Amino acid sequence: MMYKYIFFITVCLFSFTAKADLGEVTHRFSGCDYFIADGPSGYYVLEWYGGYDPYEGDTIYGEIDSYGLKDVLYNESRKGRVWVENYLESASSAMDEIQDHC
């Protein structure tokens, strides 16, 4: 019985320490679902997939340091979903990627 409690506590602690990244939306493009966010280690090229549609200057928080579909929070409270197209890019590489999509 005690093992169940230890397992539960371990799972809870792991979930609270899961890594997530914080960035700022730096570029939006008219008529395009892609946008760029600046993070601590580089730029992210993201495609909006639903929920809150961010504006330049919004903060974005989530596990955006790997490719794929991710649930994120904007401005600490608004839920959204993005496709991480690329991450850890330079500013010029991120802009080149946007030109390929928009």
PDB file of N, CA and C in Angstrom:
ATOM      1  N   MET A   1       0.826  -1.200   0.000  1.00  0.00           N
ATOM      2  CA  MET A   1       0.000   0.000   0.000  1.00  0.00           C
ATOM      3  C   MET A   1       0.869   1.263   0.000  1.00  0.00           C
ATOM      4  N   MET A   2       1.940   1.220   0.754  1.00  0.00           N
ATOM      5  CA  MET A   2       2.831   2.372   0.828  1.00  0.00           C
ATOM      6  C   MET A   2       3.468   2.665  -0.531  1.00  0.00           C
ATOM      7  N   TYR A   3       3.714   1.636  -1.353  1.00  0.00           N
ATOM      8  CA  TYR A   3       4.312   1.823  -2.671  1.00  0.00           C
ATOM      9  C   TYR A   3       3.418   2.649  -3.582  1.00  0.00           C
ATOM     10  N   LYS A   4       2.109   2.510  -3.441  1.00  0.00           N
ATOM     11  CA  LYS A   4       1.183   3.297  -4.255  1.00  0.00           C
ATOM     12  C   LYS A   4       1.333   4.783  -3.960  1.00  0.00           C
ATOM     13  N   TYR A   5       1.491   5.118  -2.698  1.00  0.00           N
ATOM     14  CA  TYR A   5       1.647   6.523  -2.317  1.00  0.00           C
ATOM     15  C   TYR A   5       2.982   7.073  -2.800  1.00  0.00           C
ATOM     16  N   ILE A   6       4.037   6.285  -2.703  1.00  0.00           N
ATOM     17  CA  ILE A   6       5.353   6.726  -3.166  1.00  0.00           C
ATOM     18  C   ILE A   6       5.317   6.944  -4.676  1.00  0.00           C
ATOM     19  N   PHE A   7       4.693   6.027  -5.404  1.00  0.00           N
ATOM     20  CA  PHE A   7       4.562   6.165  -6.844  1.00  0.00           C
ATOM     21  C   PHE A   7       3.773   7.426  -7.188  1.00  0.00           C
ATOM     22  N   PHE A   8       2.653   7.663  -6.509  1.00  0.00           N
ATOM     23  CA  PHE A   8       1.818   8.832  -6.757  1.00  0.00           C
ATOM     24  C   PHE A   8       2.610  10.118  -6.503  1.00  0.00           C
ATOM     25  N   ILE A   9       3.342  10.180  -5.421  1.00  0.00           N
ATOM     26  CA  ILE A   9       4.133  11.376  -5.094  1.00  0.00           C
ATOM     27  C   ILE A   9       5.223  11.589  -6.141  1.00  0.00           C
ATOM     28  N   THR A  10       5.863  10.524  -6.578  1.00  0.00           N
ATOM     29  CA  THR A  10       6.914  10.624  -7.592  1.00  0.00           C
ATOM     30  C   THR A  10       6.342  11.158  -8.899  1.00  0.00           C
ATOM     31  N   VAL A  11       5.189  10.648  -9.315  1.00  0.00           N
ATOM     32  CA  VAL A  11       4.554  11.112 -10.546  1.00  0.00           C
ATOM     33  C   VAL A  11       4.193  12.590 -10.427  1.00  0.00           C
ATOM     34  N   CYS A  12       3.653  13.001  -9.302  1.00  0.00           N
ATOM     35  CA  CYS A  12       3.285  14.411  -9.098  1.00  0.00           C
ATOM     36  C   CYS A  12       4.515  15.314  -9.157  1.00  0.00           C
ATOM     37  N   LEU A  13       5.581  14.920  -8.508  1.00  0.00           N
ATOM     38  CA  LEU A  13       6.799  15.728  -8.521  1.00  0.00           C
ATOM     39  C   LEU A  13       7.372  15.838  -9.926  1.00  0.00           C
ATOM     40  N   PHE A  14       7.359  14.738 -10.671  1.00  0.00           N
ATOM     41  CA  PHE A  14       7.863  14.770 -12.034  1.00  0.00           C
ATOM     42  C   PHE A  14       7.033  15.706 -12.899  1.00  0.00           C
ATOM     43  N   SER A  15       5.731  15.676 -12.765  1.00  0.00           N
ATOM     44  CA  SER A  15       4.875  16.515 -13.598  1.00  0.00           C
ATOM     45  C   SER A  15       5.071  17.998 -13.288  1.00  0.00           C
ATOM     46  N   PHE A  16       5.389  18.345 -12.052  1.00  0.00           N
ATOM     47  CA  PHE A  16       5.607  19.745 -11.704  1.00  0.00           C
ATOM     48  C   PHE A  16       6.962  20.249 -12.158  1.00  0.00           C
ATOM     49  N   THR A  17       7.912  19.341 -12.411  1.00  0.00           N
ATOM     50  CA  THR A  17       9.243  19.772 -12.814  1.00  0.00           C
ATOM     51  C   THR A  17       9.483  19.595 -14.304  1.00  0.00           C
ATOM     52  N   ALA A  18       8.445  19.262 -15.076  1.00  0.00           N
ATOM     53  CA  ALA A  18       8.603  19.086 -16.519  1.00  0.00           C
ATOM     54  C   ALA A  18       9.087  20.392 -17.137  1.00  0.00           C
ATOM     55  N   LYS A  19       9.986  20.288 -18.100  1.00  0.00           N
ATOM     56  CA  LYS A  19      10.592  21.443 -18.719  1.00  0.00           C
ATOM     57  C   LYS A  19       9.631  22.091 -19.714  1.00  0.00           C
ATOM     58  N   ALA A  20       9.565  23.386 -19.673  1.00  0.00           N
ATOM     59  CA  ALA A  20       8.800  24.153 -20.654  1.00  0.00           C
ATOM     60  C   ALA A  20       9.598  25.411 -20.980  1.00  0.00           C
ATOM     61  N   ASP A  21       9.391  25.924 -22.160  1.00  0.00           N
ATOM     62  CA  ASP A  21      10.124  27.102 -22.607  1.00  0.00           C
ATOM     63  C   ASP A  21       9.238  28.336 -22.594  1.00  0.00           C
ATOM     64  N   LEU A  22       9.879  29.471 -22.412  1.00  0.00           N
ATOM     65  CA  LEU A  22       9.202  30.759 -22.411  1.00  0.00           C
ATOM     66  C   LEU A  22       9.776  31.591 -23.543  1.00  0.00           C
ATOM     67  N   GLY A  23       8.920  32.183 -24.329  1.00  0.00           N
ATOM     68  CA  GLY A  23       9.358  33.037 -25.421  1.00  0.00           C
ATOM     69  C   GLY A  23       8.439  34.225 -25.582  1.00  0.00           C
ATOM     70  N   GLU A  24       8.787  35.075 -26.525  1.00  0.00           N
ATOM     71  CA  GLU A  24       7.965  36.245 -26.842  1.00  0.00           C
ATOM     72  C   GLU A  24       7.689  36.247 -28.341  1.00  0.00           C
ATOM     73  N   VAL A  25       6.429  36.437 -28.693  1.00  0.00           N
ATOM     74  CA  VAL A  25       6.053  36.511 -30.098  1.00  0.00           C
ATOM     75  C   VAL A  25       6.630  37.811 -30.660  1.00  0.00           C
ATOM     76  N   THR A  26       7.492  37.674 -31.660  1.00  0.00           N
ATOM     77  CA  THR A  26       8.174  38.851 -32.216  1.00  0.00           C
ATOM     78  C   THR A  26       7.672  39.254 -33.592  1.00  0.00           C
ATOM     79  N   HIS A  27       7.140  38.296 -34.361  1.00  0.00           N
ATOM     80  CA  HIS A  27       6.676  38.600 -35.718  1.00  0.00           C
ATOM     81  C   HIS A  27       5.404  37.831 -36.050  1.00  0.00           C
ATOM     82  N   ARG A  28       4.404  38.550 -36.529  1.00  0.00           N
ATOM     83  CA  ARG A  28       3.178  37.966 -37.100  1.00  0.00           C
ATOM     84  C   ARG A  28       3.110  38.440 -38.551  1.00  0.00           C
ATOM     85  N   PHE A  29       2.470  37.643 -39.396  1.00  0.00           N
ATOM     86  CA  PHE A  29       2.431  37.952 -40.820  1.00  0.00           C
ATOM     87  C   PHE A  29       0.987  37.896 -41.298  1.00  0.00           C
ATOM     88  N   SER A  30       0.532  38.968 -41.918  1.00  0.00           N
ATOM     89  CA  SER A  30      -0.846  39.077 -42.376  1.00  0.00           C
ATOM     90  C   SER A  30      -1.171  37.968 -43.368  1.00  0.00           C
ATOM     91  N   GLY A  31      -2.307  37.305 -43.131  1.00  0.00           N
ATOM     92  CA  GLY A  31      -2.760  36.254 -44.028  1.00  0.00           C
ATOM     93  C   GLY A  31      -1.998  34.947 -43.908  1.00  0.00           C
ATOM     94  N   CYS A  32      -1.236  34.775 -42.827  1.00  0.00           N
ATOM     95  CA  CYS A  32      -0.409  33.583 -42.656  1.00  0.00           C
ATOM     96  C   CYS A  32      -0.542  33.075 -41.224  1.00  0.00           C
ATOM     97  N   ASP A  33      -0.636  31.765 -41.058  1.00  0.00           N
ATOM     98  CA  ASP A  33      -0.756  31.178 -39.726  1.00  0.00           C
ATOM     99  C   ASP A  33       0.584  30.989 -39.021  1.00  0.00           C
ATOM    100  N   TYR A  34       1.689  31.234 -39.708  1.00  0.00           N
ATOM    101  CA  TYR A  34       3.005  31.087 -39.101  1.00  0.00           C
ATOM    102  C   TYR A  34       3.413  32.362 -38.380  1.00  0.00           C
ATOM    103  N   PHE A  35       4.185  32.200 -37.312  1.00  0.00           N
ATOM    104  CA  PHE A  35       4.732  33.348 -36.602  1.00  0.00           C
ATOM    105  C   PHE A  35       6.068  32.970 -35.984  1.00  0.00           C
ATOM    106  N   ILE A  36       6.800  33.967 -35.506  1.00  0.00           N
ATOM    107  CA  ILE A  36       8.119  33.764 -34.921  1.00  0.00           C
ATOM    108  C   ILE A  36       8.075  34.194 -33.464  1.00  0.00           C
ATOM    109  N   ALA A  37       8.699  33.383 -32.611  1.00  0.00           N
ATOM    110  CA  ALA A  37       8.856  33.734 -31.201  1.00  0.00           C
ATOM    111  C   ALA A  37      10.338  33.681 -30.857  1.00  0.00           C
ATOM    112  N   ASP A  38      10.764  34.580 -29.991  1.00  0.00           N
ATOM    113  CA  ASP A  38      12.147  34.644 -29.533  1.00  0.00           C
ATOM    114  C   ASP A  38      12.234  33.972 -28.172  1.00  0.00           C
ATOM    115  N   GLY A  39      13.108  32.989 -28.039  1.00  0.00           N
ATOM    116  CA  GLY A  39      13.286  32.277 -26.781  1.00  0.00           C
ATOM    117  C   GLY A  39      14.682  32.463 -26.231  1.00  0.00           C
ATOM    118  N   PRO A  40      14.978  31.829 -25.111  1.00  0.00           N
ATOM    119  CA  PRO A  40      16.278  32.005 -24.466  1.00  0.00           C
ATOM    120  C   PRO A  40      17.461  31.479 -25.276  1.00  0.00           C
ATOM    121  N   SER A  41      17.220  30.533 -26.180  1.00  0.00           N
ATOM    122  CA  SER A  41      18.321  29.934 -26.944  1.00  0.00           C
ATOM    123  C   SER A  41      18.193  30.129 -28.450  1.00  0.00           C
ATOM    124  N   GLY A  42      17.259  30.942 -28.887  1.00  0.00           N
ATOM    125  CA  GLY A  42      17.079  31.180 -30.312  1.00  0.00           C
ATOM    126  C   GLY A  42      15.630  31.450 -30.659  1.00  0.00           C
ATOM    127  N   TYR A  43      15.353  31.450 -31.937  1.00  0.00           N
ATOM    128  CA  TYR A  43      14.010  31.756 -32.433  1.00  0.00           C
ATOM    129  C   TYR A  43      13.248  30.485 -32.764  1.00  0.00           C
ATOM    130  N   TYR A  44      11.925  30.560 -32.598  1.00  0.00           N
ATOM    131  CA  TYR A  44      11.018  29.463 -32.910  1.00  0.00           C
ATOM    132  C   TYR A  44      10.157  29.871 -34.095  1.00  0.00           C
ATOM    133  N   VAL A  45       9.991  28.967 -35.052  1.00  0.00           N
ATOM    134  CA  VAL A  45       9.052  29.168 -36.144  1.00  0.00           C
ATOM    135  C   VAL A  45       7.857  28.277 -35.833  1.00  0.00           C
ATOM    136  N   LEU A  46       6.701  28.912 -35.590  1.00  0.00           N
ATOM    137  CA  LEU A  46       5.517  28.213 -35.119  1.00  0.00           C
ATOM    138  C   LEU A  46       4.337  28.450 -36.051  1.00  0.00           C
ATOM    139  N   GLU A  47       3.485  27.449 -36.165  1.00  0.00           N
ATOM    140  CA  GLU A  47       2.259  27.590 -36.933  1.00  0.00           C
ATOM    141  C   GLU A  47       1.086  27.524 -35.968  1.00  0.00           C
ATOM    142  N   TRP A  48       0.214  28.529 -36.034  1.00  0.00           N
ATOM    143  CA  TRP A  48      -0.967  28.577 -35.170  1.00  0.00           C
ATOM    144  C   TRP A  48      -1.923  27.463 -35.577  1.00  0.00           C
ATOM    145  N   TYR A  49      -2.399  26.697 -34.586  1.00  0.00           N
ATOM    146  CA  TYR A  49      -3.295  25.569 -34.850  1.00  0.00           C
ATOM    147  C   TYR A  49      -4.604  25.636 -34.080  1.00  0.00           C
ATOM    148  N   GLY A  50      -4.847  26.721 -33.374  1.00  0.00           N
ATOM    149  CA  GLY A  50      -6.124  26.862 -32.686  1.00  0.00           C
ATOM    150  C   GLY A  50      -5.975  27.544 -31.338  1.00  0.00           C
ATOM    151  N   GLY A  51      -7.124  27.889 -30.771  1.00  0.00           N
ATOM    152  CA  GLY A  51      -7.126  28.595 -29.498  1.00  0.00           C
ATOM    153  C   GLY A  51      -6.823  30.068 -29.718  1.00  0.00           C
ATOM    154  N   TYR A  52      -6.224  30.659 -28.733  1.00  0.00           N
ATOM    155  CA  TYR A  52      -5.878  32.076 -28.780  1.00  0.00           C
ATOM    156  C   TYR A  52      -4.922  32.337 -29.949  1.00  0.00           C
ATOM    157  N   ASP A  53      -5.209  33.365 -30.715  1.00  0.00           N
ATOM    158  CA  ASP A  53      -4.367  33.771 -31.838  1.00  0.00           C
ATOM    159  C   ASP A  53      -3.469  34.908 -31.342  1.00  0.00           C
ATOM    160  N   PRO A  54      -2.173  34.669 -31.195  1.00  0.00           N
ATOM    161  CA  PRO A  54      -1.303  35.641 -30.512  1.00  0.00           C
ATOM    162  C   PRO A  54      -0.991  36.886 -31.332  1.00  0.00           C
ATOM    163  N   TYR A  55      -0.570  37.909 -30.623  1.00  0.00           N
ATOM    164  CA  TYR A  55      -0.118  39.171 -31.187  1.00  0.00           C
ATOM    165  C   TYR A  55       1.366  39.342 -30.884  1.00  0.00           C
ATOM    166  N   GLU A  56       2.013  40.198 -31.634  1.00  0.00           N
ATOM    167  CA  GLU A  56       3.403  40.527 -31.327  1.00  0.00           C
ATOM    168  C   GLU A  56       3.470  41.095 -29.917  1.00  0.00           C
ATOM    169  N   GLY A  57       4.450  40.636 -29.149  1.00  0.00           N
ATOM    170  CA  GLY A  57       4.619  41.080 -27.773  1.00  0.00           C
ATOM    171  C   GLY A  57       4.033  40.120 -26.750  1.00  0.00           C
ATOM    172  N   ASP A  58       3.176  39.197 -27.178  1.00  0.00           N
ATOM    173  CA  ASP A  58       2.619  38.192 -26.260  1.00  0.00           C
ATOM    174  C   ASP A  58       3.713  37.221 -25.817  1.00  0.00           C
ATOM    175  N   THR A  59       3.601  36.739 -24.595  1.00  0.00           N
ATOM    176  CA  THR A  59       4.502  35.685 -24.148  1.00  0.00           C
ATOM    177  C   THR A  59       3.885  34.334 -24.499  1.00  0.00           C
ATOM    178  N   ILE A  60       4.741  33.357 -24.760  1.00  0.00           N
ATOM    179  CA  ILE A  60       4.294  32.006 -25.066  1.00  0.00           C
ATOM    180  C   ILE A  60       5.068  31.053 -24.163  1.00  0.00           C
ATOM    181  N   TYR A  61       4.338  30.108 -23.563  1.00  0.00           N
ATOM    182  CA  TYR A  61       4.925  29.180 -22.609  1.00  0.00           C
ATOM    183  C   TYR A  61       4.467  27.771 -22.953  1.00  0.00           C
ATOM    184  N   GLY A  62       5.416  26.864 -23.095  1.00  0.00           N
ATOM    185  CA  GLY A  62       5.084  25.474 -23.397  1.00  0.00           C
ATOM    186  C   GLY A  62       6.321  24.704 -23.817  1.00  0.00           C
ATOM    187  N   GLU A  63       6.141  23.470 -24.134  1.00  0.00           N
ATOM    188  CA  GLU A  63       7.245  22.607 -24.548  1.00  0.00           C
ATOM    189  C   GLU A  63       7.491  22.768 -26.047  1.00  0.00           C
ATOM    190  N   ILE A  64       8.014  23.928 -26.408  1.00  0.00           N
ATOM    191  CA  ILE A  64       8.212  24.254 -27.812  1.00  0.00           C
ATOM    192  C   ILE A  64       9.655  24.028 -28.253  1.00  0.00           C
ATOM    193  N   ASP A  65      10.388  23.265 -27.486  1.00  0.00           N
ATOM    194  CA  ASP A  65      11.783  22.980 -27.828  1.00  0.00           C
ATOM    195  C   ASP A  65      11.943  21.649 -28.556  1.00  0.00           C
ATOM    196  N   SER A  66      10.885  21.195 -29.205  1.00  0.00           N
ATOM    197  CA  SER A  66      10.933  20.000 -30.045  1.00  0.00           C
ATOM    198  C   SER A  66       9.827  20.116 -31.095  1.00  0.00           C
ATOM    199  N   TYR A  67       9.984  19.385 -32.188  1.00  0.00           N
ATOM    200  CA  TYR A  67       9.038  19.453 -33.291  1.00  0.00           C
ATOM    201  C   TYR A  67       7.689  18.853 -32.927  1.00  0.00           C
ATOM    202  N   GLY A  68       6.652  19.322 -33.614  1.00  0.00           N
ATOM    203  CA  GLY A  68       5.349  18.698 -33.480  1.00  0.00           C
ATOM    204  C   GLY A  68       4.280  19.612 -32.927  1.00  0.00           C
ATOM    205  N   LEU A  69       3.120  19.015 -32.690  1.00  0.00           N
ATOM    206  CA  LEU A  69       1.947  19.724 -32.185  1.00  0.00           C
ATOM    207  C   LEU A  69       2.050  19.887 -30.669  1.00  0.00           C
ATOM    208  N   LYS A  70       1.895  21.118 -30.187  1.00  0.00           N
ATOM    209  CA  LYS A  70       2.074  21.422 -28.759  1.00  0.00           C
ATOM    210  C   LYS A  70       0.947  22.303 -28.241  1.00  0.00           C
ATOM    211  N   ASP A  71       0.551  22.040 -27.009  1.00  0.00           N
ATOM    212  CA  ASP A  71      -0.362  22.935 -26.301  1.00  0.00           C
ATOM    213  C   ASP A  71       0.476  23.976 -25.579  1.00  0.00           C
ATOM    214  N   VAL A  72       0.073  25.229 -25.676  1.00  0.00           N
ATOM    215  CA  VAL A  72       0.837  26.324 -25.084  1.00  0.00           C
ATOM    216  C   VAL A  72      -0.086  27.267 -24.329  1.00  0.00           C
ATOM    217  N   LEU A  73       0.525  28.136 -23.543  1.00  0.00           N
ATOM    218  CA  LEU A  73      -0.190  29.222 -22.873  1.00  0.00           C
ATOM    219  C   LEU A  73       0.394  30.539 -23.346  1.00  0.00           C
ATOM    220  N   TYR A  74      -0.479  31.485 -23.631  1.00  0.00           N
ATOM    221  CA  TYR A  74      -0.063  32.838 -23.976  1.00  0.00           C
ATOM    222  C   TYR A  74      -0.398  33.747 -22.807  1.00  0.00           C
ATOM    223  N   ASN A  75       0.527  34.627 -22.476  1.00  0.00           N
ATOM    224  CA  ASN A  75       0.303  35.623 -21.422  1.00  0.00           C
ATOM    225  C   ASN A  75      -0.177  34.968 -20.118  1.00  0.00           C
ATOM    226  N   GLU A  76       0.317  33.787 -19.841  1.00  0.00           N
ATOM    227  CA  GLU A  76       0.081  33.034 -18.605  1.00  0.00           C
ATOM    228  C   GLU A  76      -1.357  32.537 -18.424  1.00  0.00           C
ATOM    229  N   SER A  77      -2.252  32.784 -19.392  1.00  0.00           N
ATOM    230  CA  SER A  77      -3.629  32.360 -19.139  1.00  0.00           C
ATOM    231  C   SER A  77      -4.417  31.904 -20.370  1.00  0.00           C
ATOM    232  N   ARG A  78      -4.024  32.296 -21.551  1.00  0.00           N
ATOM    233  CA  ARG A  78      -4.807  31.981 -22.749  1.00  0.00           C
ATOM    234  C   ARG A  78      -4.246  30.743 -23.430  1.00  0.00           C
ATOM    235  N   LYS A  79      -5.093  29.745 -23.619  1.00  0.00           N
ATOM    236  CA  LYS A  79      -4.662  28.471 -24.190  1.00  0.00           C
ATOM    237  C   LYS A  79      -4.619  28.535 -25.709  1.00  0.00           C
ATOM    238  N   GLY A  80      -3.652  27.821 -26.257  1.00  0.00           N
ATOM    239  CA  GLY A  80      -3.527  27.728 -27.700  1.00  0.00           C
ATOM    240  C   GLY A  80      -2.820  26.448 -28.087  1.00  0.00           C
ATOM    241  N   ARG A  81      -2.762  26.224 -29.379  1.00  0.00           N
ATOM    242  CA  ARG A  81      -2.090  25.043 -29.915  1.00  0.00           C
ATOM    243  C   ARG A  81      -1.259  25.490 -31.113  1.00  0.00           C
ATOM    244  N   VAL A  82      -0.013  25.002 -31.178  1.00  0.00           N
ATOM    245  CA  VAL A  82       0.889  25.352 -32.269  1.00  0.00           C
ATOM    246  C   VAL A  82       1.574  24.103 -32.805  1.00  0.00           C
ATOM    247  N   TRP A  83       2.028  24.207 -34.044  1.00  0.00           N
ATOM    248  CA  TRP A  83       2.912  23.219 -34.636  1.00  0.00           C
ATOM    249  C   TRP A  83       4.302  23.847 -34.636  1.00  0.00           C
ATOM    250  N   VAL A  84       5.254  23.195 -33.977  1.00  0.00           N
ATOM    251  CA  VAL A  84       6.630  23.686 -33.953  1.00  0.00           C
ATOM    252  C   VAL A  84       7.293  23.237 -35.249  1.00  0.00           C
ATOM    253  N   GLU A  85       7.481  24.181 -36.153  1.00  0.00           N
ATOM    254  CA  GLU A  85       8.107  23.905 -37.442  1.00  0.00           C
ATOM    255  C   GLU A  85       9.628  23.845 -37.291  1.00  0.00           C
ATOM    256  N   ASN A  86      10.162  24.766 -36.495  1.00  0.00           N
ATOM    257  CA  ASN A  86      11.600  24.802 -36.254  1.00  0.00           C
ATOM    258  C   ASN A  86      11.868  25.526 -34.945  1.00  0.00           C
ATOM    259  N   TYR A  87      12.996  25.239 -34.344  1.00  0.00           N
ATOM    260  CA  TYR A  87      13.358  25.877 -33.086  1.00  0.00           C
ATOM    261  C   TYR A  87      14.866  26.051 -33.013  1.00  0.00           C
ATOM    262  N   LEU A  88      15.309  26.917 -32.099  1.00  0.00           N
ATOM    263  CA  LEU A  88      16.729  27.240 -31.917  1.00  0.00           C
ATOM    264  C   LEU A  88      17.351  27.793 -33.196  1.00  0.00           C
ATOM    265  N   GLU A  89      16.594  28.612 -33.903  1.00  0.00           N
ATOM    266  CA  GLU A  89      17.040  29.218 -35.159  1.00  0.00           C
ATOM    267  C   GLU A  89      17.663  30.591 -34.907  1.00  0.00           C
ATOM    268  N   SER A  90      18.475  31.041 -35.837  1.00  0.00           N
ATOM    269  CA  SER A  90      18.927  32.428 -35.824  1.00  0.00           C
ATOM    270  C   SER A  90      17.783  33.286 -36.379  1.00  0.00           C
ATOM    271  N   ALA A  91      17.864  34.580 -36.192  1.00  0.00           N
ATOM    272  CA  ALA A  91      16.810  35.480 -36.683  1.00  0.00           C
ATOM    273  C   ALA A  91      16.685  35.384 -38.203  1.00  0.00           C
ATOM    274  N   SER A  92      17.806  35.353 -38.906  1.00  0.00           N
ATOM    275  CA  SER A  92      17.747  35.304 -40.373  1.00  0.00           C
ATOM    276  C   SER A  92      17.227  33.951 -40.868  1.00  0.00           C
ATOM    277  N   SER A  93      17.583  32.867 -40.207  1.00  0.00           N
ATOM    278  CA  SER A  93      17.072  31.541 -40.596  1.00  0.00           C
ATOM    279  C   SER A  93      15.571  31.443 -40.365  1.00  0.00           C
ATOM    280  N   ALA A  94      15.103  32.026 -39.269  1.00  0.00           N
ATOM    281  CA  ALA A  94      13.663  32.018 -38.988  1.00  0.00           C
ATOM    282  C   ALA A  94      12.906  32.795 -40.060  1.00  0.00           C
ATOM    283  N   MET A  95      13.429  33.942 -40.472  1.00  0.00           N
ATOM    284  CA  MET A  95      12.774  34.727 -41.521  1.00  0.00           C
ATOM    285  C   MET A  95      12.797  33.981 -42.855  1.00  0.00           C
ATOM    286  N   ASP A  96      13.891  33.289 -43.162  1.00  0.00           N
ATOM    287  CA  ASP A  96      13.947  32.494 -44.378  1.00  0.00           C
ATOM    288  C   ASP A  96      12.881  31.383 -44.363  1.00  0.00           C
ATOM    289  N   GLU A  97      12.696  30.769 -43.214  1.00  0.00           N
ATOM    290  CA  GLU A  97      11.688  29.721 -43.070  1.00  0.00           C
ATOM    291  C   GLU A  97      10.282  30.274 -43.295  1.00  0.00           C
ATOM    292  N   ILE A  98      10.031  31.471 -42.782  1.00  0.00           N
ATOM    293  CA  ILE A  98       8.718  32.105 -42.971  1.00  0.00           C
ATOM    294  C   ILE A  98       8.478  32.376 -44.452  1.00  0.00           C
ATOM    295  N   GLN A  99       9.493  32.817 -45.174  1.00  0.00           N
ATOM    296  CA  GLN A  99       9.327  33.089 -46.601  1.00  0.00           C
ATOM    297  C   GLN A  99       8.947  31.826 -47.372  1.00  0.00           C
ATOM    298  N   ASP A 100       9.362  30.680 -46.890  1.00  0.00           N
ATOM    299  CA  ASP A 100       8.993  29.417 -47.531  1.00  0.00           C
ATOM    300  C   ASP A 100       7.524  29.064 -47.315  1.00  0.00           C
ATOM    301  N   HIS A 101       6.922  29.590 -46.244  1.00  0.00           N
ATOM    302  CA  HIS A 101       5.548  29.208 -45.875  1.00  0.00           C
ATOM    303  C   HIS A 101       4.500  30.276 -46.159  1.00  0.00           C
ATOM    304  N   CYS A 102       4.897  31.524 -46.193  1.00  0.00           N
ATOM    305  CA  CYS A 102       3.905  32.599 -46.311  1.00  0.00           C
ATOM    306  C   CYS A 102       4.042  33.356 -47.627  1.00  0.00           C
TER     307      CYS A 102
END
